[in-house]
Every structure is written in structure tokens, then in C-alpha cells.
C-alpha atoms as a PDB file:
ATOM      1  CA  MET A   1       0.036   0.174   0.015  1.00  0.00           C
ATOM      2  CA  ALA A   2       1.234   3.431  -0.640  1.00  0.00           C
ATOM      3  CA  GLU A   3       2.310   5.721   1.984  1.00  0.00           C
ATOM      4  CA  ASN A   4       1.054   9.478   1.944  1.00  0.00           C
ATOM      5  CA  ARG A   5       3.271  12.101   2.124  1.00  0.00           C
ATOM      6  CA  TYR A   6       2.477  14.983   3.792  1.00  0.00           C
ATOM      7  CA  TRP A   7       4.273  18.352   2.429  1.00  0.00           C
ATOM      8  CA  ARG A   8       5.247  21.186   4.117  1.00  0.00           C
ATOM      9  CA  ALA A   9       2.932  24.265   3.245  1.00  0.00           C
ATOM     10  CA  THR A  10       6.009  26.451   2.499  1.00  0.00           C
ATOM     11  CA  CYS A  11       7.795  24.291   0.072  1.00  0.00           C
ATOM     12  CA  LEU A  12       4.351  24.464  -1.912  1.00  0.00           C
ATOM     13  CA  VAL A  13       3.993  28.015  -1.429  1.00  0.00           C
ATOM     14  CA  ASN A  14       7.804  28.793  -2.871  1.00  0.00           C
ATOM     15  CA  ASP A  15       7.131  26.326  -5.952  1.00  0.00           C
ATOM     16  CA  MET A  16       3.854  28.439  -6.735  1.00  0.00           C
ATOM     17  CA  PHE A  17       5.563  31.762  -6.571  1.00  0.00           C
ATOM     18  CA  THR A  18       8.187  30.386  -8.845  1.00  0.00           C
ATOM     19  CA  LYS A  19       5.609  29.436 -11.292  1.00  0.00           C
ATOM     20  CA  ILE A  20       4.026  32.602 -11.030  1.00  0.00           C
ATOM     21  CA  ALA A  21       7.408  34.855 -11.436  1.00  0.00           C
ATOM     22  CA  ARG A  22       8.346  32.657 -14.406  1.00  0.00           C
ATOM     23  CA  LEU A  23       5.082  34.279 -16.372  1.00  0.00           C
ATOM     24  CA  PHE A  24       6.369  37.894 -15.659  1.00  0.00           C
ATOM     25  CA  THR A  25      10.057  37.263 -16.786  1.00  0.00           C
ATOM     26  CA  ILE A  26      10.753  38.861 -20.207  1.00  0.00           C
ATOM     27  CA  LYS A  27      12.749  35.796 -21.945  1.00  0.00           C
ATOM     28  CA  THR A  28      13.135  36.673 -25.829  1.00  0.00           C
ATOM     29  CA  LYS A  29      13.734  39.799 -27.757  1.00  0.00           C
ATOM     30  CA  PHE A  30       9.824  39.545 -29.033  1.00  0.00           C
ATOM     31  CA  GLU A  31       8.719  39.737 -25.634  1.00  0.00           C
ATOM     32  CA  ALA A  32      11.060  42.483 -24.917  1.00  0.00           C
ATOM     33  CA  PHE A  33       9.766  44.475 -27.990  1.00  0.00           C
ATOM     34  CA  MET A  34       6.226  43.897 -27.008  1.00  0.00           C
ATOM     35  CA  VAL A  35       6.788  45.297 -23.548  1.00  0.00           C
ATOM     36  CA  ILE A  36       8.396  48.511 -24.947  1.00  0.00           C
ATOM     37  CA  TYR A  37       5.641  48.761 -27.269  1.00  0.00           C
ATOM     38  CA  GLY A  38       2.908  48.825 -24.965  1.00  0.00           C
ATOM     39  CA  LEU A  39       5.248  51.371 -22.842  1.00  0.00           C
ATOM     40  CA  GLY A  40       5.492  53.572 -25.628  1.00  0.00           C
ATOM     41  CA  LEU A  41       1.938  53.259 -26.046  1.00  0.00           C
ATOM     42  CA  GLY A  42       1.117  54.253 -22.858  1.00  0.00           C
ATOM     43  CA  ALA A  43       3.623  57.215 -22.411  1.00  0.00           C
ATOM     44  CA  THR A  44       2.133  58.914 -25.702  1.00  0.00           C
ATOM     45  CA  GLU A  45      -1.193  58.684 -24.135  1.00  0.00           C
ATOM     46  CA  ARG A  46      -0.022  60.213 -21.146  1.00  0.00           C
ATOM     47  CA  GLY A  47       1.896  62.695 -23.236  1.00  0.00           C
ATOM     48  CA  VAL A  48      -1.487  63.818 -25.174  1.00  0.00           C
ATOM     49  CA  HIS A  49      -3.112  64.263 -21.749  1.00  0.00           C
ATOM     50  CA  TYR A  50      -0.270  66.460 -20.574  1.00  0.00           C
ATOM     51  CA  VAL A  51      -0.645  68.632 -23.849  1.00  0.00           C
ATOM     52  CA  ARG A  52      -4.252  68.795 -23.019  1.00  0.00           C
ATOM     53  CA  ASP A  53      -3.999  69.800 -19.646  1.00  0.00           C
ATOM     54  CA  TYR A  54      -0.821  72.018 -20.008  1.00  0.00           C
ATOM     55  CA  PRO A  55      -1.483  74.031 -22.970  1.00  0.00           C
ATOM     56  CA  GLY A  56       1.916  75.725 -24.160  1.00  0.00           C
ATOM     57  CA  MET A  57       5.481  75.151 -23.964  1.00  0.00           C
ATOM     58  CA  GLY A  58       4.842  73.034 -20.780  1.00  0.00           C
ATOM     59  CA  GLY A  59       2.546  70.482 -22.256  1.00  0.00           C
ATOM     60  CA  TRP A  60       4.851  69.955 -25.139  1.00  0.00           C
ATOM     61  CA  LEU A  61       8.056  69.776 -22.695  1.00  0.00           C
ATOM     62  CA  LEU A  62       6.277  67.139 -20.514  1.00  0.00           C
ATOM     63  CA  PHE A  63       4.945  65.135 -23.817  1.00  0.00           C
ATOM     64  CA  SER A  64       8.595  65.144 -25.152  1.00  0.00           C
ATOM     65  CA  LEU A  65       9.700  63.372 -21.593  1.00  0.00           C
ATOM     66  CA  CYS A  66       7.419  60.584 -21.809  1.00  0.00           C
ATOM     67  CA  PRO A  67       8.861  59.000 -24.807  1.00  0.00           C
ATOM     68  CA  ILE A  68      12.672  59.717 -23.623  1.00  0.00           C
ATOM     69  CA  ALA A  69      11.843  57.350 -20.648  1.00  0.00           C
ATOM     70  CA  VAL A  70      10.435  54.732 -22.763  1.00  0.00           C
ATOM     71  CA  PHE A  71      13.583  54.954 -24.817  1.00  0.00           C
ATOM     72  CA  MET A  72      15.792  54.563 -21.468  1.00  0.00           C
ATOM     73  CA  ALA A  73      13.676  51.803 -20.183  1.00  0.00           C
ATOM     74  CA  GLY A  74      13.740  49.964 -23.354  1.00  0.00           C
ATOM     75  CA  GLY A  75      17.475  50.021 -23.686  1.00  0.00           C
ATOM     76  CA  ARG A  76      17.703  48.906 -20.460  1.00  0.00           C
ATOM     77  CA  ILE A  77      15.305  45.938 -21.030  1.00  0.00           C
ATOM     78  CA  LEU A  78      16.964  44.833 -24.381  1.00  0.00           C
ATOM     79  CA  GLU A  79      20.576  44.964 -22.585  1.00  0.00           C
ATOM     80  CA  SER A  80      19.284  42.613 -20.113  1.00  0.00           C
ATOM     81  CA  VAL A  81      17.665  40.399 -22.390  1.00  0.00           C
ATOM     82  CA  GLU A  82      20.727  39.882 -24.584  1.00  0.00           C
ATOM     83  CA  ARG A  83      23.004  39.574 -21.489  1.00  0.00           C
ATOM     84  CA  ASN A  84      20.729  36.590 -20.189  1.00  0.00           C
ATOM     85  CA  SER A  85      20.812  34.939 -23.784  1.00  0.00           C
ATOM     86  CA  GLU A  86      24.567  34.649 -23.882  1.00  0.00           C
END
């Protein structure tokens, strides 16, 4: 007859957290480009709101800073994907 083994709860919880964390890990360049594309869409949408809420030069300055932040983050994401694939 088979013997029942009782696993500790911490073992199962850590395993589940590891599986969930793997869903949010960027593994390929394609995934990285999709994330950067989503960030870019969000940044331009926020920039449009800035132009609407702050008319004039201030709104356009804030609009231009939003995509610059995405460029910096995108470069960092691509760099980390390339480093991990080697």
C-alpha cells in the first residue's frame, strides 16, 4: 500500500511563487519589444493628456519627456535580454 507523504506548506508556496514569477519574466527579444511597445503607447497617451491639461510649451515639454523615458527603459530591457541569452 502506498504511503501518504505530507508536504510542508512552505515548499508548495515557494514552488507556486516560482511558477507565477516565470510568467512575468521577459525571455526573448520579441517579448521585450512587445513590452516596449506597450510602454510607448502608454507614454504617448500620457503625453497627449499633458498637452491637453497644460497648454503651451510646458505641455509639449512634458510630452517629449514621456517617450524619452521609454527609450531609456527599452534600452535597458533589451540589454538585459541580450545579456541573459548569452
